[in-house]
């Protein structure tokens, strides 16, 4: 559980930097116009290279290049080599982008968690102030408690006692 006194993320991105980041991502996308999207069922059904069969694939490509005359003409040694080379190149880019995506997601998750825990703390403080009769707190508390009131008979589960 996050502790509001332990603020692990304290940052913001100015509009200029945000635009530059978006432009950089668009540049990457534009440099790879051949990227495709697969449907979920395609992702599941297509044969895939793994660490186990990667060596086999490389060995087969060498065998095809060295013995192309033994294979039908429709089996393009150039295309097989291009596909494998692209796989290798994208493997490096995918690894780097996954590391970045993980850090982006983790930072977003922590920032959201810190904001949510602080919001719940403020909610509890407004509730206590309202219950104590502190002037002006009823309106704020009533506005915030609507989020939990929508959960109906499951009020105990909806009460923000454990935000994690």
Protein backbone atom coordinates (compact mmCIF):
# COMPACT_ATOMS: atom_id res chain seq x y z
CA UNK A 1 0.00 0.00 0.00
CA UNK A 2 1.22 3.46 -0.82
CA UNK A 3 1.90 5.88 2.00
CA UNK A 4 0.98 9.51 1.37
CA UNK A 5 4.08 10.61 3.26
CA UNK A 6 6.23 8.50 0.91
CA UNK A 7 5.79 10.26 -2.42
CA UNK A 8 7.75 8.14 -4.93
CA UNK A 9 6.61 10.09 -7.97
CA UNK A 10 6.67 13.87 -7.99
CA UNK A 11 6.89 15.06 -11.56
CA UNK A 12 4.98 16.60 -14.41
CA UNK A 13 5.54 16.86 -18.13
CA UNK A 14 5.29 20.32 -19.62
CA UNK A 15 3.24 20.69 -22.80
CA UNK A 16 6.30 21.27 -24.99
CA UNK A 17 8.01 18.11 -23.79
CA UNK A 18 4.77 16.13 -24.13
CA UNK A 19 4.48 17.27 -27.75
CA UNK A 20 8.13 16.34 -28.40
CA UNK A 21 7.55 12.87 -26.92
CA UNK A 22 4.45 12.32 -29.03
CA UNK A 23 6.33 13.54 -32.11
CA UNK A 24 9.21 11.15 -31.33
CA UNK A 25 6.78 8.23 -31.07
CA UNK A 26 5.15 9.28 -34.35
CA UNK A 27 8.61 9.47 -35.95
CA UNK A 28 9.32 5.89 -34.84
CA UNK A 29 5.95 4.81 -36.22
CA UNK A 30 6.57 6.60 -39.54
CA UNK A 31 10.03 4.99 -39.88
CA UNK A 32 8.39 1.56 -39.69
CA UNK A 33 5.55 1.82 -42.25
CA UNK A 34 5.50 -1.97 -42.67
CA UNK A 35 4.26 -2.61 -39.12
CA UNK A 36 1.04 -4.59 -39.01
CA UNK A 37 -1.64 -5.40 -36.49
CA UNK A 38 -2.79 -8.93 -35.78
CA UNK A 39 -6.17 -10.05 -34.54
CA UNK A 40 -6.08 -11.93 -31.21
CA UNK A 41 -6.92 -15.21 -32.93
CA UNK A 42 -4.05 -14.64 -35.40
CA UNK A 43 -1.62 -14.07 -32.53
CA UNK A 44 -2.67 -17.39 -31.04
CA UNK A 45 -2.71 -19.43 -34.23
CA UNK A 46 0.44 -18.46 -36.13
CA UNK A 47 3.66 -20.44 -35.64
CA UNK A 48 6.18 -18.32 -33.75
CA UNK A 49 9.95 -18.20 -33.38
CA UNK A 50 11.07 -18.93 -29.84
CA UNK A 51 14.48 -19.39 -28.29
CA UNK A 52 14.06 -23.12 -28.91
CA UNK A 53 13.39 -22.90 -32.64
CA UNK A 54 15.40 -19.74 -33.42
CA UNK A 55 18.59 -21.73 -34.03
CA UNK A 56 16.67 -24.16 -36.23
CA UNK A 57 15.34 -21.25 -38.29
CA UNK A 58 18.81 -19.75 -38.72
CA UNK A 59 20.25 -23.16 -39.69
CA UNK A 60 17.43 -23.72 -42.19
CA UNK A 61 18.11 -20.33 -43.79
CA UNK A 62 21.78 -21.23 -44.23
CA UNK A 63 20.79 -24.58 -45.72
CA UNK A 64 18.32 -22.87 -48.08
CA UNK A 65 20.95 -20.35 -49.23
CA UNK A 66 23.54 -23.06 -49.81
CA UNK A 67 21.13 -25.48 -51.48
CA UNK A 68 18.59 -23.24 -53.17
CA UNK A 69 18.82 -25.23 -56.36
CA UNK A 70 17.22 -28.20 -54.56
CA UNK A 71 14.11 -26.23 -53.60
CA UNK A 72 11.15 -24.99 -55.64
CA UNK A 73 11.47 -21.50 -57.14
CA UNK A 74 8.50 -20.17 -55.16
CA UNK A 75 10.51 -20.55 -51.93
CA UNK A 76 12.34 -17.22 -52.03
CA UNK A 77 15.65 -17.37 -50.21
CA UNK A 78 15.83 -13.57 -50.30
CA UNK A 79 12.43 -13.18 -48.61
CA UNK A 80 13.22 -15.78 -45.96
CA UNK A 81 16.47 -13.97 -45.18
CA UNK A 82 14.70 -10.58 -45.09
CA UNK A 83 12.03 -11.94 -42.73
CA UNK A 84 14.59 -13.41 -40.34
CA UNK A 85 16.77 -10.28 -40.45
CA UNK A 86 13.73 -8.12 -39.70
CA UNK A 87 12.82 -10.45 -36.84
CA UNK A 88 16.32 -9.99 -35.37
CA UNK A 89 16.25 -6.20 -35.81
CA UNK A 90 12.78 -5.85 -34.31
CA UNK A 91 13.75 -8.15 -31.43
CA UNK A 92 16.18 -5.49 -30.24
CA UNK A 93 13.68 -2.65 -30.71
CA UNK A 94 10.86 -4.62 -29.04
CA UNK A 95 13.06 -5.34 -26.03
CA UNK A 96 13.94 -1.67 -25.60
CA UNK A 97 10.36 -0.52 -26.14
CA UNK A 98 9.02 -3.11 -23.68
CA UNK A 99 11.45 -1.85 -21.04
CA UNK A 100 10.29 1.70 -21.69
CA UNK A 101 6.62 0.68 -21.71
CA UNK A 102 7.06 -1.15 -18.40
CA UNK A 103 8.65 1.93 -16.81
CA UNK A 104 5.94 4.18 -18.25
CA UNK A 105 3.20 1.86 -16.97
CA UNK A 106 4.80 1.46 -13.55
CA UNK A 107 5.27 5.21 -13.16
CA UNK A 108 1.68 5.85 -14.30
CA UNK A 109 0.43 3.21 -11.87
CA UNK A 110 2.40 4.68 -8.95
CA UNK A 111 1.33 8.26 -9.75
CA UNK A 112 -2.29 7.13 -9.97
CA UNK A 113 -1.98 5.16 -6.74
CA UNK A 114 -0.48 8.11 -4.91
CA UNK A 115 -3.21 10.42 -6.20
CA UNK A 116 -5.95 7.91 -5.28
CA UNK A 117 -4.57 7.22 -1.78
CA UNK A 118 -4.30 10.96 -1.14
CA UNK A 119 -7.86 11.44 -2.42
CA UNK A 120 -9.10 8.69 -0.08
CA UNK A 121 -7.24 10.29 2.82
CA UNK A 122 -8.83 13.66 2.02
CA UNK A 123 -12.22 11.94 1.79
CA UNK A 124 -11.77 10.41 5.25
CA UNK A 125 -10.66 13.76 6.67
CA UNK A 126 -13.67 15.55 5.13
CA UNK A 127 -15.90 12.81 6.53
CA UNK A 128 -14.42 13.24 10.01
CA UNK A 129 -14.72 17.03 9.76
CA UNK A 130 -18.33 16.74 8.59
CA UNK A 131 -19.17 14.31 11.40
CA UNK A 132 -17.56 16.73 13.86
CA UNK A 133 -19.79 19.53 12.55
CA UNK A 134 -17.01 21.66 11.04
CA UNK A 135 -18.75 24.39 8.99
CA UNK A 136 -18.52 24.04 5.21
CA UNK A 137 -17.43 20.39 5.17
CA UNK A 138 -20.85 18.78 4.65
CA UNK A 139 -21.07 19.92 1.02
CA UNK A 140 -17.58 18.70 0.18
CA UNK A 141 -18.11 15.37 1.97
CA UNK A 142 -21.54 14.86 0.35
CA UNK A 143 -20.04 15.49 -3.08
CA UNK A 144 -17.18 13.03 -2.54
CA UNK A 145 -19.25 10.28 -0.93
CA UNK A 146 -21.41 9.99 -4.05
CA UNK A 147 -18.71 7.82 -5.58
CA UNK A 148 -19.26 5.23 -2.85
CA UNK A 149 -23.03 5.66 -2.58
CA UNK A 150 -23.48 4.36 -6.14
CA UNK A 151 -22.31 0.97 -4.96
CA UNK A 152 -25.67 0.41 -3.22
CA UNK A 153 -26.04 -2.46 -0.78
CA UNK A 154 -22.39 -3.35 -1.11
CA UNK A 155 -21.60 -0.31 1.04
CA UNK A 156 -19.13 -2.13 3.30
CA UNK A 157 -17.03 -3.20 0.29
CA UNK A 158 -17.31 0.31 -1.14
CA UNK A 159 -16.07 2.05 1.99
CA UNK A 160 -12.51 3.16 1.30
CA UNK A 161 -10.76 1.37 4.17
CA UNK A 162 -8.10 -0.40 2.09
CA UNK A 163 -7.28 1.39 -1.17
CA UNK A 164 -4.79 -1.22 -2.36
